[in-house]
C-alpha atoms as a PDB file:
ATOM      1  CA  UNK A   1     -34.473 -65.852 -95.478  1.00  0.00           C
ATOM      2  CA  UNK A   2     -33.619 -68.990 -93.471  1.00  0.00           C
ATOM      3  CA  UNK A   3     -31.031 -69.802 -96.093  1.00  0.00           C
ATOM      4  CA  UNK A   4     -29.219 -66.481 -95.470  1.00  0.00           C
ATOM      5  CA  UNK A   5     -29.258 -66.988 -91.667  1.00  0.00           C
ATOM      6  CA  UNK A   6     -27.779 -70.497 -92.010  1.00  0.00           C
ATOM      7  CA  UNK A   7     -25.105 -69.237 -94.390  1.00  0.00           C
ATOM      8  CA  UNK A   8     -24.244 -66.384 -91.985  1.00  0.00           C
ATOM      9  CA  UNK A   9     -24.069 -68.818 -89.033  1.00  0.00           C
ATOM     10  CA  UNK A  10     -21.817 -71.156 -91.030  1.00  0.00           C
ATOM     11  CA  UNK A  11     -19.483 -68.245 -91.851  1.00  0.00           C
ATOM     12  CA  UNK A  12     -19.383 -67.150 -88.168  1.00  0.00           C
ATOM     13  CA  UNK A  13     -18.674 -70.705 -86.997  1.00  0.00           C
ATOM     14  CA  UNK A  14     -16.003 -71.102 -89.657  1.00  0.00           C
ATOM     15  CA  UNK A  15     -14.499 -67.760 -88.662  1.00  0.00           C
ATOM     16  CA  UNK A  16     -14.513 -68.714 -84.958  1.00  0.00           C
ATOM     17  CA  UNK A  17     -12.943 -72.099 -85.754  1.00  0.00           C
ATOM     18  CA  UNK A  18     -10.232 -70.440 -87.862  1.00  0.00           C
ATOM     19  CA  UNK A  19      -9.568 -67.937 -85.069  1.00  0.00           C
ATOM     20  CA  UNK A  20      -9.166 -70.715 -82.470  1.00  0.00           C
ATOM     21  CA  UNK A  21      -6.917 -72.687 -84.816  1.00  0.00           C
ATOM     22  CA  UNK A  22      -4.803 -69.559 -85.428  1.00  0.00           C
ATOM     23  CA  UNK A  23      -4.448 -69.061 -81.642  1.00  0.00           C
ATOM     24  CA  UNK A  24      -3.420 -72.704 -81.116  1.00  0.00           C
ATOM     25  CA  UNK A  25      -0.852 -72.539 -83.928  1.00  0.00           C
ATOM     26  CA  UNK A  26       0.529 -69.217 -82.656  1.00  0.00           C
ATOM     27  CA  UNK A  27       0.878 -70.587 -79.094  1.00  0.00           C
ATOM     28  CA  UNK A  28       2.635 -73.711 -80.413  1.00  0.00           C
ATOM     29  CA  UNK A  29       5.105 -71.555 -82.369  1.00  0.00           C
ATOM     30  CA  UNK A  30       5.767 -69.291 -79.334  1.00  0.00           C
ATOM     31  CA  UNK A  31       6.254 -72.244 -76.965  1.00  0.00           C
ATOM     32  CA  UNK A  32       8.501 -73.961 -79.508  1.00  0.00           C
ATOM     33  CA  UNK A  33      10.617 -70.813 -79.854  1.00  0.00           C
ATOM     34  CA  UNK A  34      10.928 -70.480 -76.061  1.00  0.00           C
ATOM     35  CA  UNK A  35      11.913 -74.135 -75.789  1.00  0.00           C
ATOM     36  CA  UNK A  36      14.616 -73.790 -78.458  1.00  0.00           C
ATOM     37  CA  UNK A  37      15.959 -70.536 -76.989  1.00  0.00           C
ATOM     38  CA  UNK A  38      16.117 -71.883 -73.424  1.00  0.00           C
ATOM     39  CA  UNK A  39      17.512 -75.236 -74.546  1.00  0.00           C
ATOM     40  CA  UNK A  40      20.268 -74.069 -76.895  1.00  0.00           C
ATOM     41  CA  UNK A  41      20.933 -70.358 -76.247  1.00  0.00           C
ATOM     42  CA  UNK A  42      19.916 -69.374 -72.702  1.00  0.00           C
ATOM     43  CA  UNK A  43      19.515 -71.117 -69.387  1.00  0.00           C
ATOM     44  CA  UNK A  44      17.283 -70.253 -66.431  1.00  0.00           C
ATOM     45  CA  UNK A  45      19.207 -71.113 -63.239  1.00  0.00           C
ATOM     46  CA  UNK A  46      18.637 -70.889 -59.500  1.00  0.00           C
ATOM     47  CA  UNK A  47      21.323 -70.348 -56.863  1.00  0.00           C
ATOM     48  CA  UNK A  48      21.357 -73.096 -54.264  1.00  0.00           C
ATOM     49  CA  UNK A  49      23.521 -72.511 -51.206  1.00  0.00           C
ATOM     50  CA  UNK A  50      25.799 -69.803 -49.826  1.00  0.00           C
ATOM     51  CA  UNK A  51      29.030 -70.412 -51.795  1.00  0.00           C
ATOM     52  CA  UNK A  52      28.686 -67.224 -53.896  1.00  0.00           C
ATOM     53  CA  UNK A  53      27.689 -64.858 -51.073  1.00  0.00           C
ATOM     54  CA  UNK A  54      27.448 -61.897 -51.018  1.00  0.00           C
ATOM     55  CA  UNK A  55      27.308 -61.676 -54.836  1.00  0.00           C
ATOM     56  CA  UNK A  56      24.423 -64.170 -54.962  1.00  0.00           C
ATOM     57  CA  UNK A  57      22.140 -65.423 -52.219  1.00  0.00           C
ATOM     58  CA  UNK A  58      20.278 -68.711 -51.969  1.00  0.00           C
ATOM     59  CA  UNK A  59      17.295 -68.839 -54.390  1.00  0.00           C
ATOM     60  CA  UNK A  60      18.446 -65.934 -56.589  1.00  0.00           C
ATOM     61  CA  UNK A  61      17.246 -66.531 -60.168  1.00  0.00           C
ATOM     62  CA  UNK A  62      19.690 -66.091 -63.051  1.00  0.00           C
ATOM     63  CA  UNK A  63      19.807 -66.151 -66.829  1.00  0.00           C
ATOM     64  CA  UNK A  64      22.986 -67.480 -68.423  1.00  0.00           C
ATOM     65  CA  UNK A  65      24.101 -67.813 -72.025  1.00  0.00           C
ATOM     66  CA  UNK A  66      25.163 -71.240 -73.269  1.00  0.00           C
ATOM     67  CA  UNK A  67      27.712 -70.302 -75.941  1.00  0.00           C
ATOM     68  CA  UNK A  68      30.537 -68.182 -74.536  1.00  0.00           C
ATOM     69  CA  UNK A  69      34.293 -67.899 -74.239  1.00  0.00           C
ATOM     70  CA  UNK A  70      35.285 -68.024 -70.538  1.00  0.00           C
ATOM     71  CA  UNK A  71      37.223 -65.025 -69.252  1.00  0.00           C
ATOM     72  CA  UNK A  72      38.723 -64.322 -65.866  1.00  0.00           C
ATOM     73  CA  UNK A  73      36.119 -63.149 -63.296  1.00  0.00           C
ATOM     74  CA  UNK A  74      33.174 -64.452 -65.353  1.00  0.00           C
ATOM     75  CA  UNK A  75      30.491 -66.004 -63.184  1.00  0.00           C
ATOM     76  CA  UNK A  76      29.735 -69.385 -64.730  1.00  0.00           C
ATOM     77  CA  UNK A  77      27.351 -72.297 -64.347  1.00  0.00           C
ATOM     78  CA  UNK A  78      29.204 -75.601 -64.408  1.00  0.00           C
ATOM     79  CA  UNK A  79      28.467 -79.273 -64.205  1.00  0.00           C
ATOM     80  CA  UNK A  80      29.798 -80.403 -60.813  1.00  0.00           C
ATOM     81  CA  UNK A  81      32.833 -82.660 -61.223  1.00  0.00           C
ATOM     82  CA  UNK A  82      32.570 -86.242 -59.979  1.00  0.00           C
ATOM     83  CA  UNK A  83      35.271 -85.406 -57.425  1.00  0.00           C
ATOM     84  CA  UNK A  84      32.795 -83.032 -55.751  1.00  0.00           C
ATOM     85  CA  UNK A  85      30.878 -86.100 -54.506  1.00  0.00           C
ATOM     86  CA  UNK A  86      27.613 -84.389 -55.300  1.00  0.00           C
ATOM     87  CA  UNK A  87      24.393 -85.506 -56.925  1.00  0.00           C
ATOM     88  CA  UNK A  88      25.103 -86.610 -60.521  1.00  0.00           C
ATOM     89  CA  UNK A  89      24.216 -83.749 -62.860  1.00  0.00           C
ATOM     90  CA  UNK A  90      24.370 -81.094 -60.107  1.00  0.00           C
ATOM     91  CA  UNK A  91      25.127 -77.569 -61.292  1.00  0.00           C
ATOM     92  CA  UNK A  92      27.412 -75.121 -59.485  1.00  0.00           C
ATOM     93  CA  UNK A  93      27.732 -71.362 -59.866  1.00  0.00           C
ATOM     94  CA  UNK A  94      31.329 -70.155 -59.461  1.00  0.00           C
ATOM     95  CA  UNK A  95      33.717 -67.449 -60.654  1.00  0.00           C
ATOM     96  CA  UNK A  96      36.499 -68.146 -63.188  1.00  0.00           C
ATOM     97  CA  UNK A  97      39.833 -67.332 -61.539  1.00  0.00           C
ATOM     98  CA  UNK A  98      42.363 -69.213 -63.664  1.00  0.00           C
ATOM     99  CA  UNK A  99      42.519 -69.758 -67.418  1.00  0.00           C
ATOM    100  CA  UNK A 100      44.423 -72.559 -69.196  1.00  0.00           C
ATOM    101  CA  UNK A 101      48.171 -72.167 -68.614  1.00  0.00           C
ATOM    102  CA  UNK A 102      47.849 -69.719 -65.685  1.00  0.00           C
ATOM    103  CA  UNK A 103      50.021 -70.132 -62.611  1.00  0.00           C
ATOM    104  CA  UNK A 104      47.911 -69.357 -59.549  1.00  0.00           C
ATOM    105  CA  UNK A 105      49.294 -68.549 -56.127  1.00  0.00           C
ATOM    106  CA  UNK A 106      47.015 -67.863 -53.182  1.00  0.00           C
ATOM    107  CA  UNK A 107      48.943 -66.523 -50.214  1.00  0.00           C
ATOM    108  CA  UNK A 108      47.655 -64.654 -47.156  1.00  0.00           C
ATOM    109  CA  UNK A 109      44.250 -63.976 -48.759  1.00  0.00           C
ATOM    110  CA  UNK A 110      45.762 -62.517 -51.909  1.00  0.00           C
ATOM    111  CA  UNK A 111      45.453 -64.214 -55.293  1.00  0.00           C
ATOM    112  CA  UNK A 112      48.287 -63.905 -57.802  1.00  0.00           C
ATOM    113  CA  UNK A 113      47.853 -64.914 -61.432  1.00  0.00           C
ATOM    114  CA  UNK A 114      51.110 -65.311 -63.355  1.00  0.00           C
ATOM    115  CA  UNK A 115      52.884 -63.256 -60.690  1.00  0.00           C
ATOM    116  CA  UNK A 116      50.398 -60.331 -60.726  1.00  0.00           C
ATOM    117  CA  UNK A 117      47.969 -59.533 -57.932  1.00  0.00           C
ATOM    118  CA  UNK A 118      44.384 -60.267 -58.994  1.00  0.00           C
ATOM    119  CA  UNK A 119      42.013 -57.512 -57.836  1.00  0.00           C
ATOM    120  CA  UNK A 120      39.063 -59.222 -56.152  1.00  0.00           C
ATOM    121  CA  UNK A 121      36.756 -56.422 -55.012  1.00  0.00           C
ATOM    122  CA  UNK A 122      33.896 -58.933 -54.763  1.00  0.00           C
ATOM    123  CA  UNK A 123      35.699 -60.432 -51.730  1.00  0.00           C
ATOM    124  CA  UNK A 124      35.523 -57.236 -49.654  1.00  0.00           C
ATOM    125  CA  UNK A 125      32.700 -58.494 -47.504  1.00  0.00           C
ATOM    126  CA  UNK A 126      31.717 -59.326 -43.937  1.00  0.00           C
ATOM    127  CA  UNK A 127      32.529 -63.028 -44.430  1.00  0.00           C
ATOM    128  CA  UNK A 128      36.167 -62.280 -45.275  1.00  0.00           C
ATOM    129  CA  UNK A 129      36.443 -59.798 -42.399  1.00  0.00           C
ATOM    130  CA  UNK A 130      35.016 -62.363 -39.946  1.00  0.00           C
ATOM    131  CA  UNK A 131      37.547 -64.984 -41.082  1.00  0.00           C
ATOM    132  CA  UNK A 132      40.420 -62.515 -40.774  1.00  0.00           C
ATOM    133  CA  UNK A 133      39.224 -61.341 -37.330  1.00  0.00           C
ATOM    134  CA  UNK A 134      39.542 -64.900 -36.045  1.00  0.00           C
ATOM    135  CA  UNK A 135      43.076 -65.220 -37.419  1.00  0.00           C
ATOM    136  CA  UNK A 136      42.120 -67.503 -40.300  1.00  0.00           C
ATOM    137  CA  UNK A 137      42.690 -66.945 -43.982  1.00  0.00           C
ATOM    138  CA  UNK A 138      39.584 -66.536 -46.115  1.00  0.00           C
ATOM    139  CA  UNK A 139      41.210 -68.274 -49.097  1.00  0.00           C
ATOM    140  CA  UNK A 140      43.420 -71.294 -48.442  1.00  0.00           C
ATOM    141  CA  UNK A 141      47.051 -70.903 -49.482  1.00  0.00           C
ATOM    142  CA  UNK A 142      47.946 -72.894 -52.599  1.00  0.00           C
ATOM    143  CA  UNK A 143      50.022 -72.859 -55.790  1.00  0.00           C
ATOM    144  CA  UNK A 144      48.660 -74.399 -58.968  1.00  0.00           C
ATOM    145  CA  UNK A 145      49.332 -74.376 -62.717  1.00  0.00           C
ATOM    146  CA  UNK A 146      46.096 -74.718 -64.706  1.00  0.00           C
ATOM    147  CA  UNK A 147      46.436 -77.369 -67.449  1.00  0.00           C
ATOM    148  CA  UNK A 148      45.481 -76.767 -71.064  1.00  0.00           C
ATOM    149  CA  UNK A 149      41.719 -77.116 -71.645  1.00  0.00           C
ATOM    150  CA  UNK A 150      40.877 -76.537 -67.971  1.00  0.00           C
ATOM    151  CA  UNK A 151      39.696 -73.628 -65.802  1.00  0.00           C
ATOM    152  CA  UNK A 152      40.105 -72.841 -62.113  1.00  0.00           C
ATOM    153  CA  UNK A 153      36.809 -71.755 -60.511  1.00  0.00           C
ATOM    154  CA  UNK A 154      36.090 -70.499 -56.999  1.00  0.00           C
ATOM    155  CA  UNK A 155      33.106 -69.285 -55.023  1.00  0.00           C
ATOM    156  CA  UNK A 156      33.000 -65.761 -53.607  1.00  0.00           C
ATOM    157  CA  UNK A 157      32.355 -67.120 -50.092  1.00  0.00           C
ATOM    158  CA  UNK A 158      35.735 -68.805 -50.141  1.00  0.00           C
ATOM    159  CA  UNK A 159      35.870 -70.371 -46.697  1.00  0.00           C
ATOM    160  CA  UNK A 160      32.791 -72.549 -47.345  1.00  0.00           C
ATOM    161  CA  UNK A 161      32.754 -72.913 -51.134  1.00  0.00           C
ATOM    162  CA  UNK A 162      33.195 -76.342 -52.688  1.00  0.00           C
ATOM    163  CA  UNK A 163      35.269 -75.308 -55.712  1.00  0.00           C
ATOM    164  CA  UNK A 164      38.526 -75.938 -57.582  1.00  0.00           C
ATOM    165  CA  UNK A 165      40.620 -75.731 -54.407  1.00  0.00           C
ATOM    166  CA  UNK A 166      38.752 -78.923 -53.381  1.00  0.00           C
ATOM    167  CA  UNK A 167      37.959 -80.736 -56.653  1.00  0.00           C
ATOM    168  CA  UNK A 168      40.648 -79.303 -58.937  1.00  0.00           C
ATOM    169  CA  UNK A 169      40.353 -77.621 -62.330  1.00  0.00           C
ATOM    170  CA  UNK A 170      37.249 -77.967 -64.491  1.00  0.00           C
ATOM    171  CA  UNK A 171      37.218 -79.099 -68.130  1.00  0.00           C
ATOM    172  CA  UNK A 172      35.983 -76.498 -70.607  1.00  0.00           C
ATOM    173  CA  UNK A 173      33.131 -78.751 -71.723  1.00  0.00           C
ATOM    174  CA  UNK A 174      31.756 -78.685 -68.143  1.00  0.00           C
ATOM    175  CA  UNK A 175      31.383 -74.886 -68.162  1.00  0.00           C
ATOM    176  CA  UNK A 176      27.860 -74.774 -69.541  1.00  0.00           C
ATOM    177  CA  UNK A 177      26.807 -71.154 -69.124  1.00  0.00           C
ATOM    178  CA  UNK A 178      27.947 -67.629 -68.340  1.00  0.00           C
ATOM    179  CA  UNK A 179      25.671 -65.679 -65.981  1.00  0.00           C
ATOM    180  CA  UNK A 180      24.450 -62.473 -67.663  1.00  0.00           C
ATOM    181  CA  UNK A 181      21.446 -61.440 -65.541  1.00  0.00           C
ATOM    182  CA  UNK A 182      19.993 -61.806 -62.059  1.00  0.00           C
ATOM    183  CA  UNK A 183      16.236 -61.231 -62.396  1.00  0.00           C
ATOM    184  CA  UNK A 184      15.060 -62.348 -58.954  1.00  0.00           C
ATOM    185  CA  UNK A 185      14.644 -60.881 -56.413  1.00  0.00           C
ATOM    186  CA  UNK A 186      13.356 -57.812 -58.249  1.00  0.00           C
ATOM    187  CA  UNK A 187      15.120 -55.391 -55.893  1.00  0.00           C
ATOM    188  CA  UNK A 188      18.481 -56.926 -56.911  1.00  0.00           C
ATOM    189  CA  UNK A 189      18.074 -57.115 -60.710  1.00  0.00           C
ATOM    190  CA  UNK A 190      21.581 -56.821 -62.168  1.00  0.00           C
ATOM    191  CA  UNK A 191      23.508 -57.594 -65.330  1.00  0.00           C
ATOM    192  CA  UNK A 192      26.896 -59.333 -65.255  1.00  0.00           C
END
């Protein structure tokens, strides 16, 4: 009888040990998959500062995809250029305005791309109205031709944004993600 009890206990202990090992292996596989996905496919980013207001506020949380083809009006995560005089490795969140080869003209708060007015509904905000009420332009006047392999990026809060009108165009390799989802705060969840 004692022999049967010992055998049953051994089987239960072996079964419990196998169960714990299975859990550990499963957790390692899940964590490994999350690491690979968020290292090579997706990126979890946080907005820091007011340069994209009112589209994004400070501390909004975003998911961006790493492999993408930049298009006009995409919101992108980029490695801050050295000319920005920022912390090495700093990331910015900006909107793509100009593609390689585009001629950009900003005049009297209107943006023209290759001679055509660029609709910028995201700029219809209280910040632009406040700038205009004081007699200032919200977007500095400039003319620029975007070189091959580069992109012109700007923040939505134009009068305070540190963007291409300050540091120039951005190399394609420095555009590291396209924002696809804001998941925090929960009351502002939105796809892009």
